[in-house]
């Protein structure tokens, strides 16, 4: 089942799997290319009517015509 998710301020259709500390998304290749996102980027993500959270893109796997993207919460950095 698909849903609409906000990635970096742009809404796209995606299949969403909630992970402990993050999300795994399946989005269309055309949407992914239009977004211009890349591994290691921190992006605001809005899912299921919740407030946006900042997640890091940790994995991108392209299987045309879809892309699987794994995003996790950025670990706290203590100094």
PDB file of N, CA and C in Angstrom:
ATOM      1  N   UNK A   1       0.835  -1.172   0.000  1.00  0.00           N
ATOM      2  CA  UNK A   1       0.000   0.000   0.000  1.00  0.00           C
ATOM      3  C   UNK A   1       0.882   1.238   0.000  1.00  0.00           C
ATOM      4  N   UNK A   2       0.579   2.193  -0.882  1.00  0.00           N
ATOM      5  CA  UNK A   2       1.381   3.395  -0.984  1.00  0.00           C
ATOM      6  C   UNK A   2       0.800   4.536  -0.172  1.00  0.00           C
ATOM      7  N   UNK A   3       1.639   5.526   0.060  1.00  0.00           N
ATOM      8  CA  UNK A   3       1.225   6.705   0.811  1.00  0.00           C
ATOM      9  C   UNK A   3       1.977   7.903   0.257  1.00  0.00           C
ATOM     10  N   UNK A   4       1.574   9.081   0.646  1.00  0.00           N
ATOM     11  CA  UNK A   4       2.291  10.289   0.260  1.00  0.00           C
ATOM     12  C   UNK A   4       3.215  10.666   1.407  1.00  0.00           C
ATOM     13  N   UNK A   5       4.470  10.941   1.063  1.00  0.00           N
ATOM     14  CA  UNK A   5       5.465  11.300   2.070  1.00  0.00           C
ATOM     15  C   UNK A   5       6.172  12.571   1.611  1.00  0.00           C
ATOM     16  N   UNK A   6       6.532  13.419   2.555  1.00  0.00           N
ATOM     17  CA  UNK A   6       7.265  14.638   2.223  1.00  0.00           C
ATOM     18  C   UNK A   6       8.760  14.415   2.386  1.00  0.00           C
ATOM     19  N   UNK A   7       9.498  14.600   1.309  1.00  0.00           N
ATOM     20  CA  UNK A   7      10.960  14.468   1.339  1.00  0.00           C
ATOM     21  C   UNK A   7      11.576  15.790   0.919  1.00  0.00           C
ATOM     22  N   UNK A   8      12.297  16.406   1.824  1.00  0.00           N
ATOM     23  CA  UNK A   8      12.973  17.660   1.526  1.00  0.00           C
ATOM     24  C   UNK A   8      11.994  18.713   1.001  1.00  0.00           C
ATOM     25  N   UNK A   9      10.765  18.708   1.540  1.00  0.00           N
ATOM     26  CA  UNK A   9       9.767  19.693   1.170  1.00  0.00           C
ATOM     27  C   UNK A   9       8.938  19.358  -0.056  1.00  0.00           C
ATOM     28  N   UNK A  10       9.159  18.177  -0.665  1.00  0.00           N
ATOM     29  CA  UNK A  10       8.425  17.771  -1.863  1.00  0.00           C
ATOM     30  C   UNK A  10       7.630  16.507  -1.535  1.00  0.00           C
ATOM     31  N   UNK A  11       6.345  16.497  -1.887  1.00  0.00           N
ATOM     32  CA  UNK A  11       5.527  15.311  -1.637  1.00  0.00           C
ATOM     33  C   UNK A  11       5.633  14.334  -2.803  1.00  0.00           C
ATOM     34  N   UNK A  12       5.870  13.051  -2.464  1.00  0.00           N
ATOM     35  CA  UNK A  12       5.952  11.995  -3.471  1.00  0.00           C
ATOM     36  C   UNK A  12       5.199  10.768  -2.962  1.00  0.00           C
ATOM     37  N   UNK A  13       4.748   9.951  -3.881  1.00  0.00           N
ATOM     38  CA  UNK A  13       4.124   8.693  -3.510  1.00  0.00           C
ATOM     39  C   UNK A  13       5.203   7.680  -3.177  1.00  0.00           C
ATOM     40  N   UNK A  14       5.010   6.914  -2.116  1.00  0.00           N
ATOM     41  CA  UNK A  14       6.023   5.943  -1.700  1.00  0.00           C
ATOM     42  C   UNK A  14       5.377   4.795  -0.945  1.00  0.00           C
ATOM     43  N   UNK A  15       6.034   3.649  -0.989  1.00  0.00           N
ATOM     44  CA  UNK A  15       5.714   2.528  -0.112  1.00  0.00           C
ATOM     45  C   UNK A  15       6.647   2.704   1.073  1.00  0.00           C
ATOM     46  N   UNK A  16       6.110   2.761   2.283  1.00  0.00           N
ATOM     47  CA  UNK A  16       6.899   3.098   3.472  1.00  0.00           C
ATOM     48  C   UNK A  16       6.927   1.927   4.447  1.00  0.00           C
ATOM     49  N   UNK A  17       8.126   1.572   4.902  1.00  0.00           N
ATOM     50  CA  UNK A  17       8.317   0.572   5.948  1.00  0.00           C
ATOM     51  C   UNK A  17       8.970   1.290   7.119  1.00  0.00           C
ATOM     52  N   UNK A  18       8.306   1.266   8.275  1.00  0.00           N
ATOM     53  CA  UNK A  18       8.886   1.906   9.450  1.00  0.00           C
ATOM     54  C   UNK A  18       9.901   0.978  10.094  1.00  0.00           C
ATOM     55  N   UNK A  19      11.096   1.505  10.347  1.00  0.00           N
ATOM     56  CA  UNK A  19      12.180   0.776  10.983  1.00  0.00           C
ATOM     57  C   UNK A  19      12.413   1.366  12.368  1.00  0.00           C
ATOM     58  N   UNK A  20      13.137   0.647  13.208  1.00  0.00           N
ATOM     59  CA  UNK A  20      13.536   1.204  14.496  1.00  0.00           C
ATOM     60  C   UNK A  20      14.535   2.319  14.193  1.00  0.00           C
ATOM     61  N   UNK A  21      14.147   3.556  14.470  1.00  0.00           N
ATOM     62  CA  UNK A  21      15.044   4.688  14.236  1.00  0.00           C
ATOM     63  C   UNK A  21      15.070   5.209  12.822  1.00  0.00           C
ATOM     64  N   UNK A  22      14.111   4.820  11.984  1.00  0.00           N
ATOM     65  CA  UNK A  22      14.140   5.340  10.623  1.00  0.00           C
ATOM     66  C   UNK A  22      13.036   4.799   9.741  1.00  0.00           C
ATOM     67  N   UNK A  23      13.251   4.918   8.432  1.00  0.00           N
ATOM     68  CA  UNK A  23      12.283   4.480   7.433  1.00  0.00           C
ATOM     69  C   UNK A  23      13.000   3.839   6.255  1.00  0.00           C
ATOM     70  N   UNK A  24      12.294   2.963   5.582  1.00  0.00           N
ATOM     71  CA  UNK A  24      12.752   2.436   4.292  1.00  0.00           C
ATOM     72  C   UNK A  24      11.637   2.750   3.310  1.00  0.00           C
ATOM     73  N   UNK A  25      11.997   3.370   2.195  1.00  0.00           N
ATOM     74  CA  UNK A  25      11.019   3.821   1.213  1.00  0.00           C
ATOM     75  C   UNK A  25      11.262   3.171  -0.140  1.00  0.00           C
ATOM     76  N   UNK A  26      10.163   2.927  -0.849  1.00  0.00           N
ATOM     77  CA  UNK A  26      10.256   2.565  -2.267  1.00  0.00           C
ATOM     78  C   UNK A  26       9.569   3.685  -3.025  1.00  0.00           C
ATOM     79  N   UNK A  27      10.346   4.393  -3.839  1.00  0.00           N
ATOM     80  CA  UNK A  27       9.806   5.493  -4.634  1.00  0.00           C
ATOM     81  C   UNK A  27      10.099   5.228  -6.104  1.00  0.00           C
ATOM     82  N   UNK A  28       9.347   5.880  -6.959  1.00  0.00           N
ATOM     83  CA  UNK A  28       9.584   5.748  -8.390  1.00  0.00           C
ATOM     84  C   UNK A  28      10.909   6.387  -8.777  1.00  0.00           C
ATOM     85  N   UNK A  29      11.579   5.793  -9.751  1.00  0.00           N
ATOM     86  CA  UNK A  29      12.868   6.310 -10.215  1.00  0.00           C
ATOM     87  C   UNK A  29      12.729   7.745 -10.718  1.00  0.00           C
ATOM     88  N   UNK A  30      11.638   8.051 -11.412  1.00  0.00           N
ATOM     89  CA  UNK A  30      11.449   9.412 -11.914  1.00  0.00           C
ATOM     90  C   UNK A  30      11.326  10.415 -10.769  1.00  0.00           C
ATOM     91  N   UNK A  31      10.609  10.051  -9.704  1.00  0.00           N
ATOM     92  CA  UNK A  31      10.511  10.930  -8.531  1.00  0.00           C
ATOM     93  C   UNK A  31      11.873  11.105  -7.874  1.00  0.00           C
ATOM     94  N   UNK A  32      12.613  10.014  -7.729  1.00  0.00           N
ATOM     95  CA  UNK A  32      13.928  10.068  -7.089  1.00  0.00           C
ATOM     96  C   UNK A  32      14.869  10.993  -7.852  1.00  0.00           C
ATOM     97  N   UNK A  33      14.895  10.857  -9.167  1.00  0.00           N
ATOM     98  CA  UNK A  33      15.772  11.709  -9.978  1.00  0.00           C
ATOM     99  C   UNK A  33      15.338  13.170  -9.895  1.00  0.00           C
ATOM    100  N   UNK A  34      14.045  13.415  -9.851  1.00  0.00           N
ATOM    101  CA  UNK A  34      13.528  14.783  -9.741  1.00  0.00           C
ATOM    102  C   UNK A  34      13.930  15.421  -8.412  1.00  0.00           C
ATOM    103  N   UNK A  35      13.965  14.614  -7.338  1.00  0.00           N
ATOM    104  CA  UNK A  35      14.331  15.133  -6.017  1.00  0.00           C
ATOM    105  C   UNK A  35      15.809  15.517  -5.932  1.00  0.00           C
ATOM    106  N   UNK A  36      16.675  14.810  -6.641  1.00  0.00           N
ATOM    107  CA  UNK A  36      18.100  15.126  -6.630  1.00  0.00           C
ATOM    108  C   UNK A  36      18.781  14.844  -5.303  1.00  0.00           C
ATOM    109  N   UNK A  37      18.268  13.879  -4.543  1.00  0.00           N
ATOM    110  CA  UNK A  37      18.847  13.542  -3.245  1.00  0.00           C
ATOM    111  C   UNK A  37      19.999  12.556  -3.415  1.00  0.00           C
ATOM    112  N   UNK A  38      20.811  12.406  -2.383  1.00  0.00           N
ATOM    113  CA  UNK A  38      21.966  11.520  -2.458  1.00  0.00           C
ATOM    114  C   UNK A  38      22.279  10.928  -1.084  1.00  0.00           C
ATOM    115  N   UNK A  39      23.033   9.829  -1.100  1.00  0.00           N
ATOM    116  CA  UNK A  39      23.413   9.147   0.147  1.00  0.00           C
ATOM    117  C   UNK A  39      24.267  10.069   1.009  1.00  0.00           C
ATOM    118  N   UNK A  40      23.968  10.104   2.302  1.00  0.00           N
ATOM    119  CA  UNK A  40      24.690  10.950   3.237  1.00  0.00           C
ATOM    120  C   UNK A  40      24.003  12.285   3.498  1.00  0.00           C
ATOM    121  N   UNK A  41      23.020  12.628   2.677  1.00  0.00           N
ATOM    122  CA  UNK A  41      22.305  13.890   2.840  1.00  0.00           C
ATOM    123  C   UNK A  41      21.322  13.798   4.008  1.00  0.00           C
ATOM    124  N   UNK A  42      21.209  14.883   4.754  1.00  0.00           N
ATOM    125  CA  UNK A  42      20.224  14.983   5.829  1.00  0.00           C
ATOM    126  C   UNK A  42      19.015  15.704   5.252  1.00  0.00           C
ATOM    127  N   UNK A  43      17.841  15.076   5.356  1.00  0.00           N
ATOM    128  CA  UNK A  43      16.637  15.661   4.766  1.00  0.00           C
ATOM    129  C   UNK A  43      15.488  15.666   5.773  1.00  0.00           C
ATOM    130  N   UNK A  44      14.632  16.691   5.707  1.00  0.00           N
ATOM    131  CA  UNK A  44      13.415  16.659   6.508  1.00  0.00           C
ATOM    132  C   UNK A  44      12.419  15.700   5.868  1.00  0.00           C
ATOM    133  N   UNK A  45      11.802  14.842   6.693  1.00  0.00           N
ATOM    134  CA  UNK A  45      10.849  13.848   6.214  1.00  0.00           C
ATOM    135  C   UNK A  45       9.550  14.011   6.990  1.00  0.00           C
ATOM    136  N   UNK A  46       8.431  14.105   6.270  1.00  0.00           N
ATOM    137  CA  UNK A  46       7.118  14.198   6.893  1.00  0.00           C
ATOM    138  C   UNK A  46       6.323  12.976   6.464  1.00  0.00           C
ATOM    139  N   UNK A  47       5.872  12.205   7.453  1.00  0.00           N
ATOM    140  CA  UNK A  47       5.180  10.947   7.190  1.00  0.00           C
ATOM    141  C   UNK A  47       3.963  10.814   8.090  1.00  0.00           C
ATOM    142  N   UNK A  48       2.864  10.394   7.515  1.00  0.00           N
ATOM    143  CA  UNK A  48       1.626  10.074   8.253  1.00  0.00           C
ATOM    144  C   UNK A  48       1.110  11.228   9.100  1.00  0.00           C
ATOM    145  N   UNK A  49       1.192  12.448   8.570  1.00  0.00           N
ATOM    146  CA  UNK A  49       0.643  13.601   9.274  1.00  0.00           C
ATOM    147  C   UNK A  49       1.430  14.050  10.488  1.00  0.00           C
ATOM    148  N   UNK A  50       2.588  13.459  10.697  1.00  0.00           N
ATOM    149  CA  UNK A  50       3.425  13.840  11.850  1.00  0.00           C
ATOM    150  C   UNK A  50       4.251  15.072  11.502  1.00  0.00           C
ATOM    151  N   UNK A  51       4.854  15.665  12.511  1.00  0.00           N
ATOM    152  CA  UNK A  51       5.775  16.776  12.277  1.00  0.00           C
ATOM    153  C   UNK A  51       7.002  16.249  11.542  1.00  0.00           C
ATOM    154  N   UNK A  52       7.617  17.088  10.706  1.00  0.00           N
ATOM    155  CA  UNK A  52       8.821  16.637   9.989  1.00  0.00           C
ATOM    156  C   UNK A  52       9.950  16.272  10.956  1.00  0.00           C
ATOM    157  N   UNK A  53      10.701  15.246  10.602  1.00  0.00           N
ATOM    158  CA  UNK A  53      11.903  14.871  11.346  1.00  0.00           C
ATOM    159  C   UNK A  53      13.070  14.840  10.368  1.00  0.00           C
ATOM    160  N   UNK A  54      14.266  15.080  10.866  1.00  0.00           N
ATOM    161  CA  UNK A  54      15.453  15.072  10.006  1.00  0.00           C
ATOM    162  C   UNK A  54      16.074  13.686  10.039  1.00  0.00           C
ATOM    163  N   UNK A  55      16.209  13.087   8.853  1.00  0.00           N
ATOM    164  CA  UNK A  55      16.801  11.766   8.721  1.00  0.00           C
ATOM    165  C   UNK A  55      17.954  11.817   7.737  1.00  0.00           C
ATOM    166  N   UNK A  56      18.891  10.874   7.897  1.00  0.00           N
ATOM    167  CA  UNK A  56      20.047  10.759   7.009  1.00  0.00           C
ATOM    168  C   UNK A  56      19.782   9.644   6.003  1.00  0.00           C
ATOM    169  N   UNK A  57      20.029   9.916   4.734  1.00  0.00           N
ATOM    170  CA  UNK A  57      19.918   8.882   3.699  1.00  0.00           C
ATOM    171  C   UNK A  57      21.161   8.006   3.813  1.00  0.00           C
ATOM    172  N   UNK A  58      20.972   6.749   4.222  1.00  0.00           N
ATOM    173  CA  UNK A  58      22.122   5.866   4.445  1.00  0.00           C
ATOM    174  C   UNK A  58      22.323   4.846   3.329  1.00  0.00           C
ATOM    175  N   UNK A  59      21.276   4.560   2.582  1.00  0.00           N
ATOM    176  CA  UNK A  59      21.399   3.561   1.519  1.00  0.00           C
ATOM    177  C   UNK A  59      20.431   3.897   0.402  1.00  0.00           C
ATOM    178  N   UNK A  60      20.901   3.781  -0.829  1.00  0.00           N
ATOM    179  CA  UNK A  60      20.074   3.992  -2.015  1.00  0.00           C
ATOM    180  C   UNK A  60      20.341   2.824  -2.961  1.00  0.00           C
ATOM    181  N   UNK A  61      19.291   2.060  -3.272  1.00  0.00           N
ATOM    182  CA  UNK A  61      19.417   0.917  -4.177  1.00  0.00           C
ATOM    183  C   UNK A  61      18.453   1.119  -5.337  1.00  0.00           C
ATOM    184  N   UNK A  62      19.015   1.205  -6.537  1.00  0.00           N
ATOM    185  CA  UNK A  62      18.207   1.468  -7.731  1.00  0.00           C
ATOM    186  C   UNK A  62      17.881   0.153  -8.416  1.00  0.00           C
ATOM    187  N   UNK A  63      16.587  -0.119  -8.552  1.00  0.00           N
ATOM    188  CA  UNK A  63      16.065  -1.256  -9.306  1.00  0.00           C
ATOM    189  C   UNK A  63      14.997  -0.691 -10.243  1.00  0.00           C
ATOM    190  N   UNK A  64      15.404  -0.135 -11.404  1.00  0.00           N
ATOM    191  CA  UNK A  64      14.415   0.498 -12.278  1.00  0.00           C
ATOM    192  C   UNK A  64      13.201  -0.400 -12.469  1.00  0.00           C
ATOM    193  N   UNK A  65      12.018   0.145 -12.337  1.00  0.00           N
ATOM    194  CA  UNK A  65      11.635   1.564 -12.281  1.00  0.00           C
ATOM    195  C   UNK A  65      11.476   2.129 -10.876  1.00  0.00           C
ATOM    196  N   UNK A  66      12.041   1.471  -9.846  1.00  0.00           N
ATOM    197  CA  UNK A  66      11.910   1.982  -8.477  1.00  0.00           C
ATOM    198  C   UNK A  66      13.268   2.134  -7.815  1.00  0.00           C
ATOM    199  N   UNK A  67      13.262   2.874  -6.707  1.00  0.00           N
ATOM    200  CA  UNK A  67      14.461   3.072  -5.894  1.00  0.00           C
ATOM    201  C   UNK A  67      14.083   2.781  -4.451  1.00  0.00           C
ATOM    202  N   UNK A  68      14.900   1.965  -3.761  1.00  0.00           N
ATOM    203  CA  UNK A  68      14.723   1.716  -2.331  1.00  0.00           C
ATOM    204  C   UNK A  68      15.685   2.636  -1.591  1.00  0.00           C
ATOM    205  N   UNK A  69      15.160   3.360  -0.607  1.00  0.00           N
ATOM    206  CA  UNK A  69      15.954   4.338   0.141  1.00  0.00           C
ATOM    207  C   UNK A  69      15.799   4.052   1.633  1.00  0.00           C
ATOM    208  N   UNK A  70      16.930   3.968   2.335  1.00  0.00           N
ATOM    209  CA  UNK A  70      16.907   3.782   3.785  1.00  0.00           C
ATOM    210  C   UNK A  70      17.342   5.082   4.431  1.00  0.00           C
ATOM    211  N   UNK A  71      16.545   5.546   5.384  1.00  0.00           N
ATOM    212  CA  UNK A  71      16.839   6.778   6.116  1.00  0.00           C
ATOM    213  C   UNK A  71      16.823   6.465   7.610  1.00  0.00           C
ATOM    214  N   UNK A  72      17.795   7.007   8.355  1.00  0.00           N
ATOM    215  CA  UNK A  72      17.833   6.783   9.792  1.00  0.00           C
ATOM    216  C   UNK A  72      18.011   8.121  10.517  1.00  0.00           C
ATOM    217  N   UNK A  73      17.662   8.099  11.795  1.00  0.00           N
ATOM    218  CA  UNK A  73      17.892   9.297  12.613  1.00  0.00           C
ATOM    219  C   UNK A  73      19.386   9.529  12.747  1.00  0.00           C
ATOM    220  N   UNK A  74      19.758  10.773  12.705  1.00  0.00           N
ATOM    221  CA  UNK A  74      21.159  11.123  12.853  1.00  0.00           C
ATOM    222  C   UNK A  74      21.538  10.949  14.313  1.00  0.00           C
ATOM    223  N   UNK A  75      22.595  10.201  14.593  1.00  0.00           N
ATOM    224  CA  UNK A  75      22.996  10.017  15.993  1.00  0.00           C
ATOM    225  C   UNK A  75      23.422  11.338  16.615  1.00  0.00           C
ATOM    226  N   UNK A  76      23.149  11.485  17.891  1.00  0.00           N
ATOM    227  CA  UNK A  76      23.554  12.695  18.606  1.00  0.00           C
ATOM    228  C   UNK A  76      25.080  12.739  18.705  1.00  0.00           C
ATOM    229  N   UNK A  77      25.629  13.902  18.456  1.00  0.00           N
ATOM    230  CA  UNK A  77      27.087  14.075  18.557  1.00  0.00           C
ATOM    231  C   UNK A  77      27.380  14.807  19.854  1.00  0.00           C
ATOM    232  N   UNK A  78      28.170  14.173  20.684  1.00  0.00           N
ATOM    233  CA  UNK A  78      28.533  14.787  21.972  1.00  0.00           C
ATOM    234  C   UNK A  78      29.978  15.234  21.918  1.00  0.00           C
ATOM    235  N   UNK A  79      30.191  16.405  22.455  1.00  0.00           N
ATOM    236  CA  UNK A  79      31.546  16.970  22.421  1.00  0.00           C
ATOM    237  C   UNK A  79      32.102  17.057  23.821  1.00  0.00           C
TER     238      UNK A  79
END
